[in-house]
Amino acid sequence: MKLTVKNVIDLWFAEDTPIRRYKIKINPKPWQICQQVGQEFKAPSGRTDPTQYRKSDKVAFARLVLAGLAETEVYTEQGLYELA
């Protein structure tokens, strides 16, 4: 799965279907980051129910997830360089 804002939104906010469960299964790291961000995320609109989030709230969530993924990739790359 290409890591884009739209794909992260679809992964986290979409209705639970077999296709979504498969995407979660083959993309465990993005799903893990989504769960971490989801625990502490405060929507910019102030809404507390994820089913009532505005598009801007979902985009903000996805950007945090992508930032978290980028951060973990930097650590992974540094670890690889240290091993070489």
N, C-alpha and C. Protein backbone atom coordinates (compact mmCIF):
# COMPACT_ATOMS: atom_id res chain seq x y z
N MET A 1 0.85 -1.17 0.00
CA MET A 1 0.00 0.00 0.00
C MET A 1 0.89 1.23 0.00
N LYS A 2 0.61 2.14 -0.89
CA LYS A 2 1.34 3.40 -0.94
C LYS A 2 0.84 4.27 0.22
N LEU A 3 1.75 4.82 0.97
CA LEU A 3 1.37 5.59 2.15
C LEU A 3 1.05 7.03 1.77
N THR A 4 -0.23 7.27 1.59
CA THR A 4 -0.75 8.60 1.29
C THR A 4 -1.79 8.96 2.33
N VAL A 5 -2.15 10.23 2.37
CA VAL A 5 -3.17 10.69 3.31
C VAL A 5 -4.48 9.92 3.09
N LYS A 6 -4.87 9.79 1.83
CA LYS A 6 -6.13 9.09 1.52
C LYS A 6 -6.10 7.63 1.97
N ASN A 7 -4.98 6.95 1.72
CA ASN A 7 -4.90 5.54 2.11
C ASN A 7 -4.92 5.35 3.62
N VAL A 8 -4.28 6.26 4.34
CA VAL A 8 -4.32 6.18 5.81
C VAL A 8 -5.74 6.43 6.31
N ILE A 9 -6.41 7.41 5.73
CA ILE A 9 -7.80 7.68 6.11
C ILE A 9 -8.67 6.45 5.84
N ASP A 10 -8.50 5.85 4.67
CA ASP A 10 -9.28 4.66 4.34
C ASP A 10 -8.96 3.49 5.27
N LEU A 11 -7.71 3.37 5.66
CA LEU A 11 -7.31 2.28 6.55
C LEU A 11 -7.94 2.43 7.93
N TRP A 12 -7.94 3.64 8.45
CA TRP A 12 -8.39 3.86 9.83
C TRP A 12 -9.90 4.12 9.95
N PHE A 13 -10.45 4.90 9.05
CA PHE A 13 -11.83 5.34 9.20
C PHE A 13 -12.85 4.55 8.38
N ALA A 14 -12.40 3.68 7.50
CA ALA A 14 -13.34 2.94 6.63
C ALA A 14 -14.12 1.91 7.43
N GLU A 15 -15.22 1.52 6.85
CA GLU A 15 -16.05 0.47 7.43
C GLU A 15 -15.27 -0.84 7.44
N ASP A 16 -15.49 -1.64 8.47
CA ASP A 16 -14.77 -2.91 8.59
C ASP A 16 -15.28 -3.90 7.55
N THR A 17 -14.41 -4.25 6.62
CA THR A 17 -14.73 -5.20 5.57
C THR A 17 -13.57 -6.19 5.45
N PRO A 18 -13.78 -7.29 4.75
CA PRO A 18 -12.66 -8.23 4.55
C PRO A 18 -11.47 -7.59 3.84
N ILE A 19 -11.72 -6.70 2.91
CA ILE A 19 -10.63 -6.03 2.20
C ILE A 19 -9.83 -5.15 3.16
N ARG A 20 -10.54 -4.42 4.01
CA ARG A 20 -9.85 -3.57 5.00
C ARG A 20 -9.04 -4.42 5.97
N ARG A 21 -9.60 -5.54 6.43
CA ARG A 21 -8.86 -6.42 7.33
C ARG A 21 -7.61 -6.98 6.66
N TYR A 22 -7.70 -7.26 5.37
CA TYR A 22 -6.54 -7.74 4.64
C TYR A 22 -5.47 -6.65 4.55
N LYS A 23 -5.89 -5.41 4.29
CA LYS A 23 -4.94 -4.30 4.22
C LYS A 23 -4.25 -4.11 5.57
N ILE A 24 -4.99 -4.28 6.65
CA ILE A 24 -4.41 -4.17 7.99
C ILE A 24 -3.38 -5.28 8.19
N LYS A 25 -3.72 -6.47 7.74
CA LYS A 25 -2.84 -7.63 7.92
C LYS A 25 -1.52 -7.46 7.16
N ILE A 26 -1.58 -6.92 5.94
CA ILE A 26 -0.35 -6.79 5.16
C ILE A 26 0.39 -5.48 5.42
N ASN A 27 -0.20 -4.60 6.20
CA ASN A 27 0.43 -3.31 6.55
C ASN A 27 0.42 -3.13 8.07
N PRO A 28 1.12 -3.98 8.80
CA PRO A 28 1.03 -3.90 10.26
C PRO A 28 1.63 -2.62 10.86
N LYS A 29 2.69 -2.10 10.26
CA LYS A 29 3.32 -0.90 10.83
C LYS A 29 2.42 0.33 10.73
N PRO A 30 1.83 0.61 9.55
CA PRO A 30 0.89 1.75 9.51
C PRO A 30 -0.28 1.57 10.46
N TRP A 31 -0.78 0.36 10.58
CA TRP A 31 -1.89 0.11 11.49
C TRP A 31 -1.48 0.36 12.93
N GLN A 32 -0.28 -0.07 13.30
CA GLN A 32 0.22 0.15 14.65
C GLN A 32 0.33 1.64 14.95
N ILE A 33 0.85 2.40 14.01
CA ILE A 33 0.98 3.85 14.20
C ILE A 33 -0.40 4.50 14.28
N CYS A 34 -1.35 4.03 13.47
CA CYS A 34 -2.73 4.53 13.55
C CYS A 34 -3.30 4.32 14.95
N GLN A 35 -3.07 3.15 15.51
CA GLN A 35 -3.58 2.87 16.85
C GLN A 35 -2.94 3.78 17.89
N GLN A 36 -1.64 4.02 17.76
CA GLN A 36 -0.95 4.90 18.71
C GLN A 36 -1.48 6.33 18.61
N VAL A 37 -1.61 6.82 17.39
CA VAL A 37 -2.10 8.19 17.19
C VAL A 37 -3.55 8.29 17.63
N GLY A 38 -4.34 7.26 17.35
CA GLY A 38 -5.76 7.27 17.70
C GLY A 38 -6.03 7.39 19.19
N GLN A 39 -5.11 6.91 20.01
CA GLN A 39 -5.30 6.98 21.46
C GLN A 39 -5.21 8.40 21.99
N GLU A 40 -4.40 9.23 21.37
CA GLU A 40 -4.16 10.58 21.90
C GLU A 40 -4.64 11.69 20.98
N PHE A 41 -5.21 11.36 19.85
CA PHE A 41 -5.59 12.36 18.86
C PHE A 41 -6.75 13.22 19.34
N LYS A 42 -6.56 14.52 19.22
CA LYS A 42 -7.62 15.49 19.49
C LYS A 42 -7.94 16.19 18.17
N ALA A 43 -9.15 16.03 17.70
CA ALA A 43 -9.54 16.60 16.42
C ALA A 43 -9.49 18.12 16.46
N PRO A 44 -8.95 18.76 15.43
CA PRO A 44 -8.91 20.23 15.39
C PRO A 44 -10.29 20.87 15.50
N SER A 45 -11.33 20.17 15.05
CA SER A 45 -12.69 20.72 15.13
C SER A 45 -13.27 20.61 16.53
N GLY A 46 -12.62 19.84 17.39
CA GLY A 46 -13.11 19.66 18.75
C GLY A 46 -14.08 18.51 18.91
N ARG A 47 -14.40 17.84 17.83
CA ARG A 47 -15.32 16.71 17.90
C ARG A 47 -14.63 15.52 18.56
N THR A 48 -15.38 14.80 19.36
CA THR A 48 -14.79 13.67 20.07
C THR A 48 -15.14 12.32 19.45
N ASP A 49 -16.18 12.26 18.68
CA ASP A 49 -16.62 11.01 18.06
C ASP A 49 -16.02 10.90 16.65
N PRO A 50 -15.17 9.89 16.43
CA PRO A 50 -14.55 9.74 15.10
C PRO A 50 -15.55 9.60 13.95
N THR A 51 -16.75 9.14 14.22
CA THR A 51 -17.74 9.02 13.14
C THR A 51 -18.25 10.39 12.70
N GLN A 52 -18.01 11.42 13.51
CA GLN A 52 -18.46 12.77 13.17
C GLN A 52 -17.31 13.69 12.77
N TYR A 53 -16.12 13.12 12.59
CA TYR A 53 -14.97 13.94 12.19
C TYR A 53 -15.21 14.58 10.84
N ARG A 54 -14.73 15.79 10.72
CA ARG A 54 -14.73 16.48 9.43
C ARG A 54 -13.56 15.95 8.60
N LYS A 55 -13.58 16.30 7.33
CA LYS A 55 -12.49 15.87 6.47
C LYS A 55 -11.15 16.42 6.98
N SER A 56 -11.16 17.65 7.45
CA SER A 56 -9.93 18.25 7.95
C SER A 56 -9.40 17.51 9.18
N ASP A 57 -10.30 16.97 10.00
CA ASP A 57 -9.89 16.18 11.15
C ASP A 57 -9.20 14.89 10.70
N LYS A 58 -9.78 14.26 9.70
CA LYS A 58 -9.21 13.01 9.19
C LYS A 58 -7.87 13.26 8.53
N VAL A 59 -7.74 14.37 7.82
CA VAL A 59 -6.47 14.71 7.18
C VAL A 59 -5.41 14.97 8.25
N ALA A 60 -5.77 15.67 9.31
CA ALA A 60 -4.83 15.94 10.40
C ALA A 60 -4.38 14.63 11.04
N PHE A 61 -5.31 13.71 11.23
CA PHE A 61 -4.98 12.39 11.78
C PHE A 61 -3.99 11.67 10.86
N ALA A 62 -4.29 11.64 9.57
CA ALA A 62 -3.45 10.94 8.61
C ALA A 62 -2.05 11.54 8.56
N ARG A 63 -1.95 12.85 8.64
CA ARG A 63 -0.63 13.50 8.62
C ARG A 63 0.19 13.13 9.85
N LEU A 64 -0.47 13.02 11.00
CA LEU A 64 0.25 12.58 12.20
C LEU A 64 0.75 11.14 12.04
N VAL A 65 -0.07 10.29 11.44
CA VAL A 65 0.33 8.90 11.22
C VAL A 65 1.53 8.85 10.26
N LEU A 66 1.46 9.61 9.18
CA LEU A 66 2.56 9.62 8.22
C LEU A 66 3.84 10.17 8.85
N ALA A 67 3.70 11.17 9.70
CA ALA A 67 4.87 11.71 10.41
C ALA A 67 5.46 10.65 11.34
N GLY A 68 4.59 9.92 12.02
CA GLY A 68 5.06 8.84 12.90
C GLY A 68 5.76 7.74 12.12
N LEU A 69 5.24 7.42 10.96
CA LEU A 69 5.89 6.41 10.12
C LEU A 69 7.24 6.90 9.62
N ALA A 70 7.31 8.15 9.23
CA ALA A 70 8.58 8.71 8.76
C ALA A 70 9.62 8.69 9.88
N GLU A 71 9.18 8.97 11.09
CA GLU A 71 10.08 8.97 12.24
C GLU A 71 10.61 7.57 12.50
N THR A 72 9.77 6.56 12.43
CA THR A 72 10.23 5.18 12.67
C THR A 72 11.14 4.71 11.55
N GLU A 73 10.91 5.17 10.32
CA GLU A 73 11.79 4.80 9.21
C GLU A 73 13.17 5.41 9.38
N VAL A 74 13.24 6.63 9.90
CA VAL A 74 14.55 7.26 10.13
C VAL A 74 15.33 6.44 11.15
N TYR A 75 14.67 6.01 12.22
CA TYR A 75 15.34 5.19 13.22
C TYR A 75 15.77 3.86 12.63
N THR A 76 14.94 3.27 11.78
CA THR A 76 15.28 2.00 11.16
C THR A 76 16.49 2.16 10.24
N GLU A 77 16.52 3.23 9.46
CA GLU A 77 17.65 3.46 8.56
C GLU A 77 18.93 3.71 9.35
N GLN A 78 18.83 4.43 10.45
CA GLN A 78 20.02 4.67 11.27
C GLN A 78 20.53 3.37 11.86
N GLY A 79 19.62 2.50 12.27
CA GLY A 79 20.00 1.21 12.81
C GLY A 79 20.70 0.36 11.76
N LEU A 80 20.24 0.43 10.53
CA LEU A 80 20.88 -0.33 9.46
C LEU A 80 22.28 0.17 9.19
N TYR A 81 22.48 1.47 9.22
CA TYR A 81 23.80 2.04 8.99
C TYR A 81 24.76 1.67 10.13
N GLU A 82 24.23 1.60 11.34
CA GLU A 82 25.08 1.24 12.47
C GLU A 82 25.53 -0.20 12.39
N LEU A 83 24.69 -1.07 11.81
CA LEU A 83 25.05 -2.47 11.69
C LEU A 83 26.08 -2.70 10.58
N ALA A 84 26.10 -1.83 9.59
CA ALA A 84 27.00 -2.03 8.44
C ALA A 84 28.44 -1.73 8.76
